[in-house]
Amino acid sequence: MVRKGEDADWLRNVLVMNFPGFFIPPLDEERELNSDDHKGIEKRKNEIEVFLNKLMSFEVFHHSRHVQAFFEEDNTKKFTEFRNR
């Protein structure tokens, strides 16, 4: 399965809305990167990985349907449809 940076941004935003008062780890806004910016791409991938690892350290998020869809839905079309609801 492939997830884009905008998918991680979506996940964070939807969790902030659905879990008011809970700490949602920060994630820098996605920025324009071109395919030649290997350092920038690697930095963004690392930021997302740190975000997801911190997020999953809180058990409360394990049962979120949004988190489950992010990690488990391997059909890109279905995931996109879920995201756009």
N, C-alpha and C. Protein backbone atom coordinates (compact mmCIF):
# COMPACT_ATOMS: atom_id res chain seq x y z
N MET A 1 0.84 -1.17 0.00
CA MET A 1 0.00 0.00 0.00
C MET A 1 0.88 1.23 0.00
N VAL A 2 0.40 2.25 -0.62
CA VAL A 2 1.15 3.50 -0.73
C VAL A 2 0.33 4.61 -0.09
N ARG A 3 0.97 5.38 0.76
CA ARG A 3 0.34 6.55 1.34
C ARG A 3 1.19 7.77 1.00
N LYS A 4 0.51 8.85 0.73
CA LYS A 4 1.19 10.10 0.40
C LYS A 4 1.27 10.98 1.64
N GLY A 5 2.10 12.00 1.55
CA GLY A 5 2.21 12.93 2.66
C GLY A 5 0.87 13.56 2.99
N GLU A 6 0.07 13.85 1.97
CA GLU A 6 -1.24 14.45 2.21
C GLU A 6 -2.16 13.49 2.98
N ASP A 7 -1.93 12.19 2.86
CA ASP A 7 -2.71 11.22 3.64
C ASP A 7 -2.37 11.33 5.13
N ALA A 8 -1.10 11.51 5.43
CA ALA A 8 -0.68 11.68 6.83
C ALA A 8 -1.23 13.00 7.37
N ASP A 9 -1.22 14.05 6.56
CA ASP A 9 -1.80 15.33 6.98
C ASP A 9 -3.29 15.16 7.27
N TRP A 10 -3.99 14.47 6.38
CA TRP A 10 -5.41 14.20 6.58
C TRP A 10 -5.64 13.45 7.89
N LEU A 11 -4.84 12.41 8.13
CA LEU A 11 -5.01 11.61 9.34
C LEU A 11 -4.86 12.49 10.57
N ARG A 12 -3.82 13.30 10.61
CA ARG A 12 -3.61 14.16 11.77
C ARG A 12 -4.79 15.12 11.94
N ASN A 13 -5.22 15.75 10.86
CA ASN A 13 -6.33 16.71 10.95
C ASN A 13 -7.62 16.06 11.43
N VAL A 14 -7.93 14.89 10.93
CA VAL A 14 -9.18 14.22 11.33
C VAL A 14 -9.09 13.76 12.79
N LEU A 15 -7.91 13.37 13.24
CA LEU A 15 -7.77 12.97 14.64
C LEU A 15 -7.88 14.17 15.57
N VAL A 16 -7.36 15.31 15.16
CA VAL A 16 -7.50 16.53 15.96
C VAL A 16 -8.98 16.87 16.14
N MET A 17 -9.76 16.70 15.08
CA MET A 17 -11.19 17.00 15.15
C MET A 17 -11.94 15.97 15.98
N ASN A 18 -11.55 14.70 15.88
CA ASN A 18 -12.30 13.62 16.54
C ASN A 18 -11.84 13.30 17.95
N PHE A 19 -10.69 13.79 18.34
CA PHE A 19 -10.16 13.53 19.68
C PHE A 19 -9.77 14.85 20.35
N PRO A 20 -10.76 15.73 20.56
CA PRO A 20 -10.43 17.01 21.20
C PRO A 20 -9.88 16.77 22.61
N GLY A 21 -8.86 17.51 22.95
CA GLY A 21 -8.25 17.37 24.27
C GLY A 21 -7.14 16.34 24.35
N PHE A 22 -7.02 15.51 23.32
CA PHE A 22 -5.95 14.52 23.28
C PHE A 22 -4.73 15.11 22.58
N PHE A 23 -3.57 14.68 23.00
CA PHE A 23 -2.35 15.10 22.33
C PHE A 23 -2.22 14.33 21.02
N ILE A 24 -2.21 15.06 19.93
CA ILE A 24 -1.95 14.47 18.61
C ILE A 24 -0.56 14.95 18.23
N PRO A 25 0.37 14.03 17.98
CA PRO A 25 1.73 14.46 17.66
C PRO A 25 1.76 15.44 16.49
N PRO A 26 2.69 16.37 16.53
CA PRO A 26 2.77 17.35 15.44
C PRO A 26 3.28 16.72 14.15
N LEU A 27 2.95 17.35 13.07
CA LEU A 27 3.43 16.95 11.76
C LEU A 27 3.53 18.22 10.92
N ASP A 28 4.72 18.52 10.45
CA ASP A 28 4.89 19.71 9.63
C ASP A 28 4.02 19.61 8.38
N GLU A 29 3.50 20.74 7.95
CA GLU A 29 2.69 20.79 6.74
C GLU A 29 3.50 20.28 5.55
N GLU A 30 2.80 19.59 4.66
CA GLU A 30 3.47 19.12 3.46
C GLU A 30 3.86 20.32 2.60
N ARG A 31 5.02 20.25 2.04
CA ARG A 31 5.49 21.34 1.19
C ARG A 31 5.80 20.79 -0.21
N GLU A 32 5.85 21.69 -1.15
CA GLU A 32 6.16 21.31 -2.53
C GLU A 32 7.56 20.71 -2.61
N LEU A 33 7.65 19.53 -3.12
CA LEU A 33 8.94 18.88 -3.34
C LEU A 33 8.97 18.37 -4.77
N ASN A 34 10.09 18.54 -5.42
CA ASN A 34 10.20 17.95 -6.75
C ASN A 34 10.96 16.63 -6.62
N SER A 35 10.88 15.83 -7.63
CA SER A 35 11.46 14.48 -7.57
C SER A 35 12.99 14.49 -7.45
N ASP A 36 13.63 15.62 -7.72
CA ASP A 36 15.09 15.72 -7.59
C ASP A 36 15.53 16.09 -6.17
N ASP A 37 14.58 16.48 -5.33
CA ASP A 37 14.90 16.92 -3.97
C ASP A 37 14.95 15.70 -3.04
N HIS A 38 15.98 14.89 -3.21
CA HIS A 38 16.08 13.64 -2.44
C HIS A 38 16.17 13.89 -0.95
N LYS A 39 16.91 14.92 -0.55
CA LYS A 39 17.03 15.24 0.88
C LYS A 39 15.69 15.68 1.45
N GLY A 40 14.96 16.51 0.72
CA GLY A 40 13.65 16.97 1.17
C GLY A 40 12.65 15.84 1.26
N ILE A 41 12.67 14.94 0.30
CA ILE A 41 11.77 13.79 0.30
C ILE A 41 12.10 12.88 1.49
N GLU A 42 13.36 12.63 1.70
CA GLU A 42 13.78 11.77 2.82
C GLU A 42 13.41 12.41 4.16
N LYS A 43 13.56 13.72 4.26
CA LYS A 43 13.20 14.43 5.50
C LYS A 43 11.71 14.29 5.77
N ARG A 44 10.89 14.49 4.74
CA ARG A 44 9.43 14.37 4.90
C ARG A 44 9.05 12.95 5.29
N LYS A 45 9.66 11.95 4.66
CA LYS A 45 9.37 10.56 5.01
C LYS A 45 9.71 10.29 6.47
N ASN A 46 10.84 10.81 6.92
CA ASN A 46 11.24 10.63 8.32
C ASN A 46 10.27 11.33 9.27
N GLU A 47 9.83 12.54 8.92
CA GLU A 47 8.86 13.26 9.75
C GLU A 47 7.56 12.47 9.89
N ILE A 48 7.11 11.90 8.79
CA ILE A 48 5.87 11.11 8.81
C ILE A 48 6.06 9.86 9.65
N GLU A 49 7.20 9.21 9.51
CA GLU A 49 7.48 8.00 10.29
C GLU A 49 7.49 8.31 11.79
N VAL A 50 8.13 9.40 12.18
CA VAL A 50 8.16 9.80 13.59
C VAL A 50 6.74 10.09 14.07
N PHE A 51 5.97 10.82 13.27
CA PHE A 51 4.58 11.12 13.62
C PHE A 51 3.78 9.84 13.85
N LEU A 52 3.87 8.90 12.91
CA LEU A 52 3.09 7.66 13.03
C LEU A 52 3.54 6.83 14.22
N ASN A 53 4.83 6.76 14.48
CA ASN A 53 5.32 5.99 15.63
C ASN A 53 4.83 6.61 16.94
N LYS A 54 4.88 7.93 17.04
CA LYS A 54 4.39 8.60 18.26
C LYS A 54 2.89 8.39 18.40
N LEU A 55 2.17 8.54 17.29
CA LEU A 55 0.72 8.37 17.31
C LEU A 55 0.35 6.98 17.82
N MET A 56 1.04 5.96 17.32
CA MET A 56 0.69 4.60 17.68
C MET A 56 1.17 4.21 19.08
N SER A 57 1.93 5.08 19.72
CA SER A 57 2.32 4.81 21.11
C SER A 57 1.16 5.07 22.06
N PHE A 58 0.09 5.71 21.57
CA PHE A 58 -1.11 5.96 22.36
C PHE A 58 -2.19 4.95 21.95
N GLU A 59 -2.51 4.05 22.84
CA GLU A 59 -3.44 2.98 22.50
C GLU A 59 -4.82 3.48 22.09
N VAL A 60 -5.21 4.62 22.60
CA VAL A 60 -6.54 5.15 22.28
C VAL A 60 -6.76 5.30 20.78
N PHE A 61 -5.70 5.55 20.04
CA PHE A 61 -5.85 5.75 18.59
C PHE A 61 -5.90 4.43 17.81
N HIS A 62 -5.53 3.34 18.42
CA HIS A 62 -5.52 2.04 17.73
C HIS A 62 -6.90 1.66 17.22
N HIS A 63 -7.94 2.12 17.89
CA HIS A 63 -9.30 1.72 17.55
C HIS A 63 -10.03 2.71 16.66
N SER A 64 -9.35 3.79 16.32
CA SER A 64 -9.95 4.79 15.43
C SER A 64 -10.14 4.21 14.04
N ARG A 65 -11.32 4.38 13.49
CA ARG A 65 -11.57 3.87 12.13
C ARG A 65 -10.69 4.59 11.11
N HIS A 66 -10.30 5.81 11.41
CA HIS A 66 -9.44 6.56 10.50
C HIS A 66 -8.02 5.99 10.50
N VAL A 67 -7.53 5.68 11.70
CA VAL A 67 -6.20 5.07 11.81
C VAL A 67 -6.22 3.69 11.17
N GLN A 68 -7.27 2.92 11.43
CA GLN A 68 -7.36 1.59 10.85
C GLN A 68 -7.38 1.66 9.33
N ALA A 69 -8.14 2.60 8.78
CA ALA A 69 -8.19 2.73 7.32
C ALA A 69 -6.82 3.14 6.78
N PHE A 70 -6.15 4.05 7.47
CA PHE A 70 -4.83 4.50 7.03
C PHE A 70 -3.86 3.34 6.94
N PHE A 71 -3.87 2.48 7.95
CA PHE A 71 -2.91 1.38 7.99
C PHE A 71 -3.35 0.10 7.29
N GLU A 72 -4.66 -0.11 7.17
CA GLU A 72 -5.12 -1.42 6.72
C GLU A 72 -5.75 -1.45 5.33
N GLU A 73 -6.31 -0.34 4.87
CA GLU A 73 -6.98 -0.36 3.57
C GLU A 73 -5.93 -0.35 2.45
N ASP A 74 -5.82 -1.48 1.77
CA ASP A 74 -4.79 -1.57 0.73
C ASP A 74 -5.32 -1.21 -0.66
N ASN A 75 -6.60 -0.97 -0.76
CA ASN A 75 -7.18 -0.53 -2.02
C ASN A 75 -7.17 1.00 -2.04
N THR A 76 -6.34 1.57 -2.88
CA THR A 76 -6.16 3.02 -2.91
C THR A 76 -7.46 3.75 -3.21
N LYS A 77 -8.25 3.22 -4.12
CA LYS A 77 -9.53 3.86 -4.46
C LYS A 77 -10.46 3.87 -3.24
N LYS A 78 -10.56 2.76 -2.52
CA LYS A 78 -11.42 2.70 -1.34
C LYS A 78 -10.92 3.63 -0.25
N PHE A 79 -9.60 3.69 -0.09
CA PHE A 79 -9.04 4.59 0.93
C PHE A 79 -9.35 6.04 0.57
N THR A 80 -9.20 6.41 -0.69
CA THR A 80 -9.49 7.77 -1.13
C THR A 80 -10.96 8.10 -0.92
N GLU A 81 -11.83 7.15 -1.22
CA GLU A 81 -13.27 7.36 -0.99
C GLU A 81 -13.54 7.55 0.51
N PHE A 82 -12.90 6.75 1.34
CA PHE A 82 -13.07 6.88 2.80
C PHE A 82 -12.60 8.25 3.25
N ARG A 83 -11.46 8.68 2.75
CA ARG A 83 -10.90 9.99 3.11
C ARG A 83 -11.82 11.13 2.74
N ASN A 84 -12.49 11.00 1.63
CA ASN A 84 -13.32 12.09 1.10
C ASN A 84 -14.73 12.12 1.67
N ARG A 85 -15.04 11.24 2.59
CA ARG A 85 -16.38 11.25 3.21
C ARG A 85 -16.54 12.41 4.13
